[in-house]
């Protein structure tokens, strides 16, 4: 799933719905990739979306991969102590 240029509180509900829709079509054991390379504007909502994606993947028997993380999002993950959840394959 490729994230748009903006992932802030204003887009959180729509992004969560998009995430759940994408996950519905994934088969157990697959790698679900969340591509953040287009992100230009983020806040902690983007991080919350990534954490929720990780949780939902684990619940569905999928492996989660986050790619293309912008520096600000990586910094937020380090600040909140969740950077291991966003490692290449978790």
C-alpha atoms as a PDB file:
ATOM      1  CA  UNK A   1       0.000   0.000   0.000  1.00  0.00           C
ATOM      2  CA  UNK A   2       1.456   3.342  -1.024  1.00  0.00           C
ATOM      3  CA  UNK A   3       0.748   6.217   1.314  1.00  0.00           C
ATOM      4  CA  UNK A   4      -0.073   9.660  -0.132  1.00  0.00           C
ATOM      5  CA  UNK A   5       2.012  12.813   0.324  1.00  0.00           C
ATOM      6  CA  UNK A   6       0.134  13.777   3.476  1.00  0.00           C
ATOM      7  CA  UNK A   7      -0.641  11.623   6.518  1.00  0.00           C
ATOM      8  CA  UNK A   8      -1.843  13.783   9.374  1.00  0.00           C
ATOM      9  CA  UNK A   9      -4.762  13.754  11.775  1.00  0.00           C
ATOM     10  CA  UNK A  10      -6.999  15.178   9.042  1.00  0.00           C
ATOM     11  CA  UNK A  11      -6.401  12.115   6.833  1.00  0.00           C
ATOM     12  CA  UNK A  12      -6.223   9.490   9.593  1.00  0.00           C
ATOM     13  CA  UNK A  13      -9.741   8.040   9.261  1.00  0.00           C
ATOM     14  CA  UNK A  14      -9.525   7.755   5.468  1.00  0.00           C
ATOM     15  CA  UNK A  15      -6.060   6.181   5.633  1.00  0.00           C
ATOM     16  CA  UNK A  16      -7.209   3.665   8.230  1.00  0.00           C
ATOM     17  CA  UNK A  17     -10.150   2.681   6.007  1.00  0.00           C
ATOM     18  CA  UNK A  18      -7.773   2.319   3.053  1.00  0.00           C
ATOM     19  CA  UNK A  19      -5.432   0.176   5.168  1.00  0.00           C
ATOM     20  CA  UNK A  20      -8.234  -2.129   6.294  1.00  0.00           C
ATOM     21  CA  UNK A  21      -9.440  -2.478   2.696  1.00  0.00           C
ATOM     22  CA  UNK A  22      -5.944  -3.374   1.465  1.00  0.00           C
ATOM     23  CA  UNK A  23      -5.450  -5.899   4.260  1.00  0.00           C
ATOM     24  CA  UNK A  24      -8.745  -7.613   3.437  1.00  0.00           C
ATOM     25  CA  UNK A  25      -7.243  -8.872   0.189  1.00  0.00           C
ATOM     26  CA  UNK A  26      -3.959 -10.136   1.646  1.00  0.00           C
ATOM     27  CA  UNK A  27      -3.367 -13.846   2.171  1.00  0.00           C
ATOM     28  CA  UNK A  28      -1.927 -15.346   5.331  1.00  0.00           C
ATOM     29  CA  UNK A  29       1.863 -15.519   5.384  1.00  0.00           C
ATOM     30  CA  UNK A  30       2.274 -12.765   2.785  1.00  0.00           C
ATOM     31  CA  UNK A  31       4.352  -9.656   3.358  1.00  0.00           C
ATOM     32  CA  UNK A  32       2.227  -6.532   3.548  1.00  0.00           C
ATOM     33  CA  UNK A  33       4.256  -3.486   2.578  1.00  0.00           C
ATOM     34  CA  UNK A  34       3.383   0.036   3.606  1.00  0.00           C
ATOM     35  CA  UNK A  35       5.315   2.342   1.270  1.00  0.00           C
ATOM     36  CA  UNK A  36       5.853   5.742   2.848  1.00  0.00           C
ATOM     37  CA  UNK A  37       8.196   7.129   0.178  1.00  0.00           C
ATOM     38  CA  UNK A  38       5.682   9.740  -1.058  1.00  0.00           C
ATOM     39  CA  UNK A  39       5.061  11.185   2.419  1.00  0.00           C
ATOM     40  CA  UNK A  40       5.965  14.839   2.703  1.00  0.00           C
ATOM     41  CA  UNK A  41       3.784  15.975   5.587  1.00  0.00           C
ATOM     42  CA  UNK A  42       3.397  13.747   8.651  1.00  0.00           C
ATOM     43  CA  UNK A  43       2.510  13.938  12.303  1.00  0.00           C
ATOM     44  CA  UNK A  44       2.086  11.290  14.978  1.00  0.00           C
ATOM     45  CA  UNK A  45      -1.051  10.058  13.165  1.00  0.00           C
ATOM     46  CA  UNK A  46       1.182   8.590  10.454  1.00  0.00           C
ATOM     47  CA  UNK A  47       3.104   6.710  13.119  1.00  0.00           C
ATOM     48  CA  UNK A  48      -0.143   5.506  14.690  1.00  0.00           C
ATOM     49  CA  UNK A  49      -1.239   4.216  11.272  1.00  0.00           C
ATOM     50  CA  UNK A  50       2.003   2.272  10.918  1.00  0.00           C
ATOM     51  CA  UNK A  51       1.634   0.774  14.385  1.00  0.00           C
ATOM     52  CA  UNK A  52      -1.954  -0.205  13.611  1.00  0.00           C
ATOM     53  CA  UNK A  53      -0.836  -1.755  10.314  1.00  0.00           C
ATOM     54  CA  UNK A  54       1.766  -3.793  12.211  1.00  0.00           C
ATOM     55  CA  UNK A  55      -0.862  -4.921  14.741  1.00  0.00           C
ATOM     56  CA  UNK A  56      -3.423  -5.864  12.101  1.00  0.00           C
ATOM     57  CA  UNK A  57      -0.823  -7.772  10.105  1.00  0.00           C
ATOM     58  CA  UNK A  58       0.182  -9.793  13.159  1.00  0.00           C
ATOM     59  CA  UNK A  59      -3.481 -10.484  13.874  1.00  0.00           C
ATOM     60  CA  UNK A  60      -4.003 -11.771  10.305  1.00  0.00           C
ATOM     61  CA  UNK A  61      -0.814 -13.837  10.093  1.00  0.00           C
ATOM     62  CA  UNK A  62       0.909 -11.419   7.730  1.00  0.00           C
ATOM     63  CA  UNK A  63       4.431 -10.056   7.887  1.00  0.00           C
ATOM     64  CA  UNK A  64       4.662  -6.266   7.951  1.00  0.00           C
ATOM     65  CA  UNK A  65       7.211  -4.190   6.086  1.00  0.00           C
ATOM     66  CA  UNK A  66       7.497  -0.398   6.160  1.00  0.00           C
ATOM     67  CA  UNK A  67       9.557   1.173   3.409  1.00  0.00           C
ATOM     68  CA  UNK A  68      10.575   4.643   2.326  1.00  0.00           C
ATOM     69  CA  UNK A  69      10.162   6.211   5.743  1.00  0.00           C
ATOM     70  CA  UNK A  70      10.845   9.948   5.733  1.00  0.00           C
ATOM     71  CA  UNK A  71      13.330  11.175   8.325  1.00  0.00           C
ATOM     72  CA  UNK A  72      10.630  12.874  10.421  1.00  0.00           C
ATOM     73  CA  UNK A  73       8.626   9.649  10.704  1.00  0.00           C
ATOM     74  CA  UNK A  74      11.725   7.645  11.640  1.00  0.00           C
ATOM     75  CA  UNK A  75      12.554  10.284  14.238  1.00  0.00           C
ATOM     76  CA  UNK A  76       9.054  10.052  15.731  1.00  0.00           C
ATOM     77  CA  UNK A  77       9.346   6.260  15.887  1.00  0.00           C
ATOM     78  CA  UNK A  78      12.659   6.548  17.751  1.00  0.00           C
ATOM     79  CA  UNK A  79      11.202   9.180  20.090  1.00  0.00           C
ATOM     80  CA  UNK A  80       8.270   6.905  20.999  1.00  0.00           C
ATOM     81  CA  UNK A  81      10.470   3.798  21.205  1.00  0.00           C
ATOM     82  CA  UNK A  82       8.673   1.866  18.449  1.00  0.00           C
ATOM     83  CA  UNK A  83      11.320   1.906  15.720  1.00  0.00           C
ATOM     84  CA  UNK A  84      11.635  -1.895  15.876  1.00  0.00           C
ATOM     85  CA  UNK A  85       8.029  -2.172  14.653  1.00  0.00           C
ATOM     86  CA  UNK A  86       9.010  -0.330  11.495  1.00  0.00           C
ATOM     87  CA  UNK A  87      12.107  -2.391  10.725  1.00  0.00           C
ATOM     88  CA  UNK A  88      12.309  -3.835   7.190  1.00  0.00           C
ATOM     89  CA  UNK A  89      10.352  -7.029   7.985  1.00  0.00           C
ATOM     90  CA  UNK A  90       8.755  -7.558  11.360  1.00  0.00           C
END
